[in-house]
Amino acid sequence: MTIEAIQEELIDEFSMFDDWMQRYEYMIDLGKSLPLIDEKLKTDDKLIKGCQSKVWLNSEMKNDKIIFTADSDAIITKGIIAVLVRVFSNQEPQAILDADTDFIDEIGLKEHLSPTRANGLVSMIKQMKMYALAYQTQANS
């Protein structure tokens, strides 16, 4: 499934809810289904800088696609990274680099986050794109 198709799916899912409390609950549920990072990989070098909560992100290259696993010590943050893992995992590096993240505005996520969580969201996206860039560079050399 393409990144755009997954984003459309998320927009549809979030539009089913009338208020933000329901959307938060849905995000928390998404966090519970997150492909969790191996406990051994919860190291400082896997922590995303710029997040108020602890967020660990790992990536592996399998069959020319990046597989992300993650975890967080905060339930809302875990939901946010779960949304991003769903969008960007199992995608080729170039697709991740080319992807826009307008869907975040469309589901209303950014405007309903505290400034520190919004900064964390930006840091998560940046880190995922950095991994994609690293794999893309490796593939081209």
N, C-alpha and C. Protein backbone atom coordinates (compact mmCIF):
# COMPACT_ATOMS: atom_id res chain seq x y z
N MET A 1 0.84 -1.18 0.00
CA MET A 1 0.00 0.00 0.00
C MET A 1 0.89 1.25 0.00
N THR A 2 0.54 2.25 -0.77
CA THR A 2 1.37 3.45 -0.84
C THR A 2 1.19 4.32 0.41
N ILE A 3 2.14 5.21 0.62
CA ILE A 3 2.06 6.15 1.74
C ILE A 3 0.78 6.98 1.63
N GLU A 4 0.48 7.45 0.42
CA GLU A 4 -0.71 8.29 0.21
C GLU A 4 -1.99 7.52 0.57
N ALA A 5 -2.05 6.24 0.17
CA ALA A 5 -3.24 5.42 0.47
C ALA A 5 -3.40 5.23 1.97
N ILE A 6 -2.30 5.00 2.67
CA ILE A 6 -2.35 4.83 4.13
C ILE A 6 -2.80 6.14 4.79
N GLN A 7 -2.27 7.26 4.28
CA GLN A 7 -2.66 8.56 4.83
C GLN A 7 -4.16 8.80 4.63
N GLU A 8 -4.68 8.45 3.45
CA GLU A 8 -6.11 8.61 3.17
C GLU A 8 -6.94 7.75 4.13
N GLU A 9 -6.45 6.53 4.38
CA GLU A 9 -7.12 5.62 5.30
C GLU A 9 -7.21 6.25 6.70
N LEU A 10 -6.10 6.82 7.14
CA LEU A 10 -6.06 7.47 8.46
C LEU A 10 -7.01 8.67 8.52
N ILE A 11 -7.02 9.47 7.46
CA ILE A 11 -7.92 10.63 7.40
C ILE A 11 -9.37 10.14 7.54
N ASP A 12 -9.71 9.07 6.82
CA ASP A 12 -11.07 8.51 6.90
C ASP A 12 -11.37 8.01 8.32
N GLU A 13 -10.41 7.30 8.91
CA GLU A 13 -10.62 6.74 10.25
C GLU A 13 -10.84 7.86 11.27
N PHE A 14 -10.00 8.89 11.22
CA PHE A 14 -10.11 9.98 12.19
C PHE A 14 -11.37 10.81 11.97
N SER A 15 -11.86 10.87 10.73
CA SER A 15 -13.06 11.66 10.46
C SER A 15 -14.33 11.00 11.01
N MET A 16 -14.23 9.74 11.41
CA MET A 16 -15.40 9.05 11.99
C MET A 16 -15.72 9.57 13.38
N PHE A 17 -14.76 10.22 14.02
CA PHE A 17 -14.95 10.67 15.40
C PHE A 17 -15.41 12.12 15.43
N ASP A 18 -16.36 12.40 16.33
CA ASP A 18 -16.94 13.73 16.41
C ASP A 18 -16.08 14.72 17.19
N ASP A 19 -15.43 14.22 18.23
CA ASP A 19 -14.64 15.17 19.03
C ASP A 19 -13.23 14.66 19.28
N TRP A 20 -12.42 15.54 19.85
CA TRP A 20 -11.02 15.20 20.02
C TRP A 20 -10.76 14.19 21.12
N MET A 21 -11.66 14.08 22.10
CA MET A 21 -11.46 13.05 23.13
C MET A 21 -11.53 11.66 22.49
N GLN A 22 -12.48 11.49 21.56
CA GLN A 22 -12.58 10.20 20.86
C GLN A 22 -11.35 9.94 20.00
N ARG A 23 -10.85 10.99 19.37
CA ARG A 23 -9.64 10.84 18.54
C ARG A 23 -8.43 10.48 19.38
N TYR A 24 -8.32 11.11 20.57
CA TYR A 24 -7.21 10.77 21.48
C TYR A 24 -7.31 9.30 21.89
N GLU A 25 -8.53 8.86 22.23
CA GLU A 25 -8.72 7.46 22.62
C GLU A 25 -8.33 6.52 21.49
N TYR A 26 -8.68 6.91 20.26
CA TYR A 26 -8.32 6.09 19.10
C TYR A 26 -6.80 6.05 18.93
N MET A 27 -6.16 7.21 19.12
CA MET A 27 -4.69 7.24 19.01
C MET A 27 -4.04 6.37 20.07
N ILE A 28 -4.60 6.39 21.28
CA ILE A 28 -4.07 5.54 22.35
C ILE A 28 -4.21 4.07 21.96
N ASP A 29 -5.37 3.71 21.36
CA ASP A 29 -5.56 2.33 20.88
C ASP A 29 -4.55 1.98 19.80
N LEU A 30 -4.28 2.92 18.89
CA LEU A 30 -3.27 2.67 17.85
C LEU A 30 -1.91 2.42 18.50
N GLY A 31 -1.62 3.16 19.55
CA GLY A 31 -0.36 2.99 20.27
C GLY A 31 -0.22 1.60 20.85
N LYS A 32 -1.35 1.02 21.28
CA LYS A 32 -1.32 -0.33 21.85
C LYS A 32 -1.01 -1.39 20.80
N SER A 33 -1.28 -1.07 19.52
CA SER A 33 -1.01 -2.05 18.46
C SER A 33 0.31 -1.78 17.74
N LEU A 34 1.09 -0.86 18.27
CA LEU A 34 2.37 -0.48 17.68
C LEU A 34 3.34 -1.66 17.66
N PRO A 35 4.01 -1.88 16.50
CA PRO A 35 5.08 -2.91 16.49
C PRO A 35 6.21 -2.43 17.40
N LEU A 36 6.34 -3.07 18.55
CA LEU A 36 7.26 -2.57 19.57
C LEU A 36 8.72 -2.86 19.25
N ILE A 37 9.54 -1.91 19.61
CA ILE A 37 10.99 -2.03 19.47
C ILE A 37 11.48 -3.09 20.47
N ASP A 38 12.44 -3.86 20.08
CA ASP A 38 13.04 -4.84 20.97
C ASP A 38 13.62 -4.11 22.19
N GLU A 39 13.39 -4.66 23.37
CA GLU A 39 13.87 -4.03 24.62
C GLU A 39 15.38 -3.75 24.57
N LYS A 40 16.13 -4.64 23.92
CA LYS A 40 17.59 -4.46 23.83
C LYS A 40 17.97 -3.21 23.02
N LEU A 41 17.03 -2.76 22.17
CA LEU A 41 17.29 -1.60 21.32
C LEU A 41 16.86 -0.28 21.94
N LYS A 42 16.33 -0.35 23.15
CA LYS A 42 15.93 0.89 23.83
C LYS A 42 17.17 1.54 24.44
N THR A 43 18.00 2.05 23.53
CA THR A 43 19.26 2.67 23.93
C THR A 43 19.21 4.16 23.59
N ASP A 44 20.13 4.91 24.16
CA ASP A 44 20.14 6.36 23.96
C ASP A 44 20.25 6.77 22.49
N ASP A 45 20.98 5.97 21.70
CA ASP A 45 21.14 6.33 20.29
C ASP A 45 19.85 6.13 19.49
N LYS A 46 18.87 5.43 20.06
CA LYS A 46 17.56 5.23 19.39
C LYS A 46 16.51 6.23 19.87
N LEU A 47 16.86 7.03 20.88
CA LEU A 47 15.92 8.04 21.39
C LEU A 47 15.80 9.18 20.38
N ILE A 48 14.58 9.65 20.19
CA ILE A 48 14.37 10.79 19.29
C ILE A 48 14.58 12.06 20.09
N LYS A 49 15.50 12.87 19.63
CA LYS A 49 15.78 14.13 20.31
C LYS A 49 14.70 15.14 19.95
N GLY A 50 14.32 15.96 20.92
CA GLY A 50 13.29 16.95 20.67
C GLY A 50 11.92 16.51 21.16
N CYS A 51 11.84 15.32 21.73
CA CYS A 51 10.59 14.85 22.31
C CYS A 51 10.65 15.01 23.82
N GLN A 52 9.56 15.50 24.39
CA GLN A 52 9.49 15.65 25.83
C GLN A 52 9.45 14.28 26.50
N SER A 53 8.68 13.37 25.93
CA SER A 53 8.63 11.99 26.43
C SER A 53 9.77 11.22 25.78
N LYS A 54 10.01 10.04 26.31
CA LYS A 54 11.01 9.19 25.67
C LYS A 54 10.36 8.45 24.51
N VAL A 55 10.96 8.55 23.35
CA VAL A 55 10.49 7.82 22.16
C VAL A 55 11.70 7.15 21.54
N TRP A 56 11.62 5.82 21.46
CA TRP A 56 12.68 5.06 20.80
C TRP A 56 12.21 4.66 19.42
N LEU A 57 13.09 4.79 18.44
CA LEU A 57 12.74 4.43 17.07
C LEU A 57 13.88 3.61 16.48
N ASN A 58 13.52 2.47 15.91
CA ASN A 58 14.51 1.63 15.24
C ASN A 58 14.06 1.40 13.80
N SER A 59 15.03 1.21 12.94
CA SER A 59 14.69 0.90 11.55
C SER A 59 15.58 -0.23 11.05
N GLU A 60 15.01 -1.03 10.18
CA GLU A 60 15.76 -2.10 9.51
C GLU A 60 15.37 -2.08 8.04
N MET A 61 16.31 -2.46 7.20
CA MET A 61 16.03 -2.55 5.77
C MET A 61 15.76 -4.02 5.45
N LYS A 62 14.58 -4.29 4.90
CA LYS A 62 14.24 -5.66 4.47
C LYS A 62 13.60 -5.57 3.09
N ASN A 63 14.16 -6.30 2.13
CA ASN A 63 13.63 -6.32 0.76
C ASN A 63 13.42 -4.92 0.20
N ASP A 64 14.42 -4.07 0.36
CA ASP A 64 14.40 -2.70 -0.15
C ASP A 64 13.36 -1.81 0.51
N LYS A 65 12.79 -2.24 1.62
CA LYS A 65 11.82 -1.42 2.35
C LYS A 65 12.28 -1.25 3.79
N ILE A 66 11.94 -0.10 4.36
CA ILE A 66 12.32 0.17 5.75
C ILE A 66 11.19 -0.30 6.67
N ILE A 67 11.58 -1.04 7.69
CA ILE A 67 10.64 -1.49 8.72
C ILE A 67 10.97 -0.71 9.99
N PHE A 68 10.00 0.03 10.49
CA PHE A 68 10.19 0.79 11.72
C PHE A 68 9.53 0.07 12.89
N THR A 69 10.20 0.09 14.03
CA THR A 69 9.60 -0.31 15.30
C THR A 69 9.87 0.82 16.28
N ALA A 70 8.99 0.98 17.26
CA ALA A 70 9.13 2.11 18.17
C ALA A 70 8.46 1.81 19.49
N ASP A 71 8.69 2.70 20.44
CA ASP A 71 7.99 2.65 21.72
C ASP A 71 8.12 4.02 22.37
N SER A 72 7.25 4.27 23.32
CA SER A 72 7.31 5.52 24.08
C SER A 72 6.85 5.25 25.49
N ASP A 73 7.29 6.10 26.41
CA ASP A 73 6.87 5.95 27.80
C ASP A 73 5.61 6.76 28.09
N ALA A 74 5.04 7.42 27.07
CA ALA A 74 3.82 8.20 27.25
C ALA A 74 2.75 7.71 26.27
N ILE A 75 1.51 7.55 26.74
CA ILE A 75 0.49 6.90 25.90
C ILE A 75 0.10 7.71 24.67
N ILE A 76 -0.02 9.03 24.80
CA ILE A 76 -0.39 9.85 23.62
C ILE A 76 0.76 9.82 22.61
N THR A 77 1.97 9.98 23.11
CA THR A 77 3.15 9.97 22.24
C THR A 77 3.28 8.62 21.54
N LYS A 78 2.96 7.56 22.25
CA LYS A 78 3.01 6.22 21.65
C LYS A 78 2.00 6.14 20.51
N GLY A 79 0.85 6.77 20.68
CA GLY A 79 -0.16 6.82 19.63
C GLY A 79 0.32 7.60 18.42
N ILE A 80 1.01 8.71 18.67
CA ILE A 80 1.53 9.55 17.57
C ILE A 80 2.56 8.76 16.76
N ILE A 81 3.51 8.12 17.44
CA ILE A 81 4.54 7.38 16.71
C ILE A 81 3.91 6.17 16.02
N ALA A 82 2.84 5.61 16.60
CA ALA A 82 2.15 4.48 15.95
C ALA A 82 1.56 4.92 14.61
N VAL A 83 0.99 6.12 14.56
CA VAL A 83 0.45 6.66 13.31
C VAL A 83 1.56 6.78 12.28
N LEU A 84 2.70 7.33 12.70
CA LEU A 84 3.83 7.53 11.77
C LEU A 84 4.43 6.20 11.31
N VAL A 85 4.54 5.24 12.22
CA VAL A 85 5.07 3.92 11.85
C VAL A 85 4.14 3.28 10.82
N ARG A 86 2.84 3.42 11.03
CA ARG A 86 1.88 2.85 10.08
C ARG A 86 2.05 3.47 8.69
N VAL A 87 2.29 4.77 8.65
CA VAL A 87 2.43 5.47 7.37
C VAL A 87 3.75 5.12 6.67
N PHE A 88 4.85 5.13 7.43
CA PHE A 88 6.17 5.04 6.81
C PHE A 88 6.81 3.65 6.80
N SER A 89 6.34 2.73 7.63
CA SER A 89 6.96 1.41 7.67
C SER A 89 6.58 0.62 6.42
N ASN A 90 7.46 -0.25 5.98
CA ASN A 90 7.24 -1.07 4.78
C ASN A 90 7.22 -0.24 3.50
N GLN A 91 7.95 0.85 3.51
CA GLN A 91 8.04 1.72 2.33
C GLN A 91 9.50 1.81 1.89
N GLU A 92 9.69 2.13 0.62
CA GLU A 92 11.05 2.33 0.12
C GLU A 92 11.56 3.69 0.61
N PRO A 93 12.88 3.79 0.81
CA PRO A 93 13.43 5.05 1.33
C PRO A 93 13.01 6.28 0.52
N GLN A 94 13.07 6.19 -0.80
CA GLN A 94 12.73 7.35 -1.63
C GLN A 94 11.28 7.78 -1.43
N ALA A 95 10.38 6.82 -1.26
CA ALA A 95 8.96 7.14 -1.03
C ALA A 95 8.79 7.91 0.28
N ILE A 96 9.56 7.52 1.29
CA ILE A 96 9.50 8.21 2.59
C ILE A 96 10.05 9.63 2.44
N LEU A 97 11.15 9.75 1.72
CA LEU A 97 11.75 11.07 1.52
C LEU A 97 10.82 11.99 0.73
N ASP A 98 10.10 11.44 -0.24
CA ASP A 98 9.22 12.24 -1.09
C ASP A 98 7.87 12.54 -0.44
N ALA A 99 7.51 11.80 0.59
CA ALA A 99 6.17 11.91 1.18
C ALA A 99 5.97 13.25 1.87
N ASP A 100 4.77 13.80 1.67
CA ASP A 100 4.43 14.97 2.47
C ASP A 100 3.63 14.49 3.67
N THR A 101 3.49 15.34 4.65
CA THR A 101 2.80 14.94 5.88
C THR A 101 1.59 15.85 6.13
N ASP A 102 0.96 16.30 5.06
CA ASP A 102 -0.22 17.15 5.18
C ASP A 102 -1.38 16.45 5.88
N PHE A 103 -1.39 15.12 5.83
CA PHE A 103 -2.47 14.37 6.46
C PHE A 103 -2.56 14.69 7.96
N ILE A 104 -1.43 15.07 8.57
CA ILE A 104 -1.40 15.39 10.00
C ILE A 104 -2.30 16.61 10.27
N ASP A 105 -2.23 17.59 9.36
CA ASP A 105 -3.12 18.74 9.48
C ASP A 105 -4.56 18.35 9.19
N GLU A 106 -4.73 17.48 8.19
CA GLU A 106 -6.09 17.08 7.80
C GLU A 106 -6.82 16.32 8.90
N ILE A 107 -6.10 15.53 9.68
CA ILE A 107 -6.77 14.84 10.79
C ILE A 107 -6.85 15.76 12.02
N GLY A 108 -6.23 16.94 11.93
CA GLY A 108 -6.32 17.92 13.01
C GLY A 108 -5.37 17.67 14.15
N LEU A 109 -4.40 16.81 13.92
CA LEU A 109 -3.50 16.41 14.99
C LEU A 109 -2.65 17.57 15.51
N LYS A 110 -2.00 18.28 14.61
CA LYS A 110 -1.07 19.32 15.04
C LYS A 110 -1.74 20.37 15.92
N GLU A 111 -2.95 20.80 15.52
CA GLU A 111 -3.61 21.87 16.28
C GLU A 111 -4.12 21.40 17.64
N HIS A 112 -4.20 20.08 17.87
CA HIS A 112 -4.68 19.58 19.15
C HIS A 112 -3.55 19.05 20.04
N LEU A 113 -2.32 19.33 19.65
CA LEU A 113 -1.18 18.93 20.47
C LEU A 113 -0.61 20.14 21.19
N SER A 114 -0.06 19.91 22.35
CA SER A 114 0.64 20.98 23.04
C SER A 114 1.87 21.34 22.20
N PRO A 115 2.42 22.54 22.35
CA PRO A 115 3.61 22.91 21.56
C PRO A 115 4.76 21.90 21.70
N THR A 116 4.95 21.37 22.91
CA THR A 116 6.07 20.41 23.07
C THR A 116 5.79 19.10 22.33
N ARG A 117 4.51 18.65 22.35
CA ARG A 117 4.17 17.43 21.61
C ARG A 117 4.26 17.67 20.10
N ALA A 118 3.85 18.86 19.66
CA ALA A 118 3.94 19.20 18.24
C ALA A 118 5.40 19.19 17.79
N ASN A 119 6.29 19.73 18.62
CA ASN A 119 7.73 19.69 18.32
C ASN A 119 8.22 18.25 18.25
N GLY A 120 7.74 17.43 19.16
CA GLY A 120 8.11 16.02 19.18
C GLY A 120 7.66 15.31 17.91
N LEU A 121 6.46 15.64 17.45
CA LEU A 121 5.93 15.08 16.20
C LEU A 121 6.85 15.41 15.04
N VAL A 122 7.25 16.67 14.96
CA VAL A 122 8.17 17.10 13.89
C VAL A 122 9.49 16.34 14.00
N SER A 123 9.99 16.17 15.22
CA SER A 123 11.24 15.43 15.44
C SER A 123 11.12 13.97 15.00
N MET A 124 9.96 13.37 15.26
CA MET A 124 9.74 11.97 14.86
C MET A 124 9.79 11.83 13.34
N ILE A 125 9.09 12.73 12.66
CA ILE A 125 9.07 12.69 11.18
C ILE A 125 10.48 12.90 10.65
N LYS A 126 11.18 13.88 11.22
CA LYS A 126 12.54 14.18 10.79
C LYS A 126 13.45 12.96 10.95
N GLN A 127 13.32 12.28 12.09
CA GLN A 127 14.17 11.11 12.35
C GLN A 127 13.87 9.99 11.35
N MET A 128 12.59 9.78 11.04
CA MET A 128 12.23 8.72 10.08
C MET A 128 12.77 9.05 8.70
N LYS A 129 12.72 10.32 8.34
CA LYS A 129 13.26 10.74 7.04
C LYS A 129 14.79 10.64 7.02
N MET A 130 15.42 10.88 8.18
CA MET A 130 16.88 10.73 8.27
C MET A 130 17.29 9.27 8.05
N TYR A 131 16.55 8.34 8.66
CA TYR A 131 16.82 6.92 8.43
C TYR A 131 16.66 6.60 6.94
N ALA A 132 15.59 7.12 6.33
CA ALA A 132 15.34 6.86 4.91
C ALA A 132 16.49 7.41 4.06
N LEU A 133 16.95 8.61 4.40
CA LEU A 133 18.07 9.22 3.66
C LEU A 133 19.33 8.37 3.80
N ALA A 134 19.59 7.89 4.99
CA ALA A 134 20.77 7.05 5.22
C ALA A 134 20.69 5.77 4.37
N TYR A 135 19.53 5.12 4.36
CA TYR A 135 19.40 3.90 3.56
C TYR A 135 19.48 4.21 2.07
N GLN A 136 18.91 5.33 1.65
CA GLN A 136 18.95 5.73 0.25
C GLN A 136 20.40 5.98 -0.18
N THR A 137 21.15 6.66 0.66
CA THR A 137 22.56 6.96 0.38
C THR A 137 23.36 5.66 0.29
N GLN A 138 23.10 4.74 1.21
CA GLN A 138 23.77 3.43 1.20
C GLN A 138 23.49 2.69 -0.09
N ALA A 139 22.24 2.71 -0.52
CA ALA A 139 21.83 2.00 -1.73
C ALA A 139 22.48 2.58 -2.97
N ASN A 140 22.71 3.88 -2.96
CA ASN A 140 23.28 4.56 -4.13
C ASN A 140 24.81 4.49 -4.19
N SER A 141 25.42 4.04 -3.10
CA SER A 141 26.90 4.03 -3.11
C SER A 141 27.46 2.65 -3.41
